[in-house]
Amino acid sequence: MAEVIIGVDPHKLSATIEIVDRQERLVATGRFNTDQRGYTAMRSYARTFPHRLWAVEGANGTGRPLAQRLVEDGERVVDVPAKLAARVRLFDTGHNRKTDALDAHSIAVVAV
């Protein structure tokens, strides 16, 4: 199976993910709580894609706790700056309206 990119829009209480392939085609989506149960569910969901790269918005800021947990668990993680994700969202949608799903998509596209 080809590598997928898991774009993550992290928040204090939840994380929205969008999984895309290298051609930016949507493969799967999800929303998970950031507690231990939600984190475990998100990791289990992602395990169905053996070749994966996590793209976390603000891995040095808001997304840092999640990015650190993923790295500690042996996952490959890249940081996507919020400004870059916003720019991609603007070019992709033609507007800069924010939703968690659009953010997760733009984060994944940046990583592609």
Protein backbone atom coordinates (compact mmCIF):
# COMPACT_ATOMS: atom_id res chain seq x y z
CA MET A 1 0.00 0.00 0.00
CA ALA A 2 1.27 3.49 -0.83
CA GLU A 3 2.16 6.06 1.79
CA VAL A 4 -0.58 8.30 3.13
CA ILE A 5 -0.37 11.67 4.83
CA ILE A 6 -2.43 12.23 7.95
CA GLY A 7 -3.17 15.94 8.32
CA VAL A 8 -3.99 16.86 11.91
CA ASP A 9 -5.78 20.00 13.07
CA PRO A 10 -5.13 19.82 16.83
CA HIS A 11 -7.11 21.61 19.51
CA LYS A 12 -7.06 21.41 23.28
CA LEU A 13 -9.90 18.87 23.51
CA SER A 14 -10.01 17.32 20.03
CA ALA A 15 -8.01 16.54 16.91
CA THR A 16 -9.50 16.40 13.43
CA ILE A 17 -7.64 14.31 10.88
CA GLU A 18 -7.83 13.92 7.14
CA ILE A 19 -5.90 11.19 5.40
CA VAL A 20 -4.81 11.75 1.80
CA ASP A 21 -2.63 9.85 -0.63
CA ARG A 22 0.34 11.34 -2.52
CA GLN A 23 -2.04 12.58 -5.24
CA GLU A 24 -4.01 14.50 -2.58
CA ARG A 25 -7.02 12.21 -2.92
CA LEU A 26 -9.10 11.87 0.22
CA VAL A 27 -8.74 8.43 1.80
CA ALA A 28 -10.36 8.86 5.24
CA THR A 29 -11.36 11.40 7.89
CA GLY A 30 -11.96 11.41 11.62
CA ARG A 31 -12.32 13.45 14.77
CA PHE A 32 -10.96 12.26 18.09
CA ASN A 33 -10.78 13.50 21.66
CA THR A 34 -7.30 14.26 22.96
CA ASP A 35 -7.68 12.18 26.11
CA GLN A 36 -6.00 8.75 26.31
CA ARG A 37 -9.05 6.92 24.94
CA GLY A 38 -9.34 9.28 21.95
CA TYR A 39 -5.61 9.17 21.27
CA THR A 40 -5.66 5.36 21.33
CA ALA A 41 -8.66 5.31 18.97
CA MET A 42 -6.92 7.70 16.58
CA ARG A 43 -3.74 5.61 16.53
CA SER A 44 -5.76 2.42 15.99
CA TYR A 45 -7.62 4.05 13.11
CA ALA A 46 -4.35 5.18 11.54
CA ARG A 47 -2.76 1.72 11.85
CA THR A 48 -4.92 0.54 8.95
CA PHE A 49 -2.45 2.53 6.83
CA PRO A 50 0.96 0.94 7.43
CA HIS A 51 2.93 3.56 5.49
CA ARG A 52 1.94 6.87 7.02
CA LEU A 53 3.32 10.29 7.82
CA TRP A 54 1.64 12.56 10.37
CA ALA A 55 1.49 16.26 9.49
CA VAL A 56 0.61 18.21 12.63
CA GLU A 57 -0.25 21.89 12.48
CA GLY A 58 1.77 23.84 15.02
CA ALA A 59 3.91 20.94 16.25
CA ASN A 60 5.99 23.54 18.10
CA GLY A 61 2.90 25.25 19.51
CA THR A 62 -0.68 24.07 19.99
CA GLY A 63 0.04 20.71 18.37
CA ARG A 64 3.15 20.04 20.42
CA PRO A 65 1.63 17.65 23.01
CA LEU A 66 0.10 15.50 20.27
CA ALA A 67 3.24 15.59 18.11
CA GLN A 68 5.37 14.53 21.07
CA ARG A 69 3.05 11.62 21.88
CA LEU A 70 3.20 10.45 18.28
CA VAL A 71 6.99 10.68 18.13
CA GLU A 72 7.31 8.84 21.45
CA ASP A 73 5.18 6.06 19.94
CA GLY A 74 7.52 5.76 16.95
CA GLU A 75 5.46 7.68 14.41
CA ARG A 76 6.97 9.92 11.73
CA VAL A 77 5.77 13.49 12.28
CA VAL A 78 6.33 16.75 10.40
CA ASP A 79 5.41 20.24 11.54
CA VAL A 80 3.13 22.34 9.34
CA PRO A 81 3.15 26.05 10.22
CA ALA A 82 -0.35 27.51 10.62
CA LYS A 83 0.37 30.34 8.16
CA LEU A 84 1.37 27.90 5.44
CA ALA A 85 -1.74 25.78 6.00
CA ALA A 86 -3.89 28.93 5.81
CA ARG A 87 -2.28 29.92 2.52
CA VAL A 88 -2.97 26.49 1.02
CA ARG A 89 -6.56 26.62 2.28
CA LEU A 90 -7.03 29.98 0.56
CA PHE A 91 -5.64 28.75 -2.77
CA ASP A 92 -7.47 25.42 -2.55
CA THR A 93 -10.93 26.73 -1.66
CA GLY A 94 -10.84 30.29 -3.02
CA HIS A 95 -11.64 31.69 0.42
CA ASN A 96 -10.06 31.59 3.84
CA ARG A 97 -13.02 30.29 5.84
CA LYS A 98 -11.92 27.92 8.55
CA THR A 99 -13.37 24.59 9.53
CA ASP A 100 -11.52 21.80 11.25
CA ALA A 101 -11.97 19.54 8.21
CA LEU A 102 -10.65 22.18 5.78
CA ASP A 103 -7.72 22.82 8.10
CA ALA A 104 -6.85 19.12 8.32
CA HIS A 105 -7.05 18.86 4.52
CA SER A 106 -4.80 21.87 3.93
CA ILE A 107 -2.30 20.56 6.51
CA ALA A 108 -2.14 17.22 4.68
CA VAL A 109 -1.72 18.95 1.31
CA VAL A 110 1.20 21.00 2.64
CA ALA A 111 2.91 17.79 3.71
CA VAL A 112 2.35 16.16 0.31
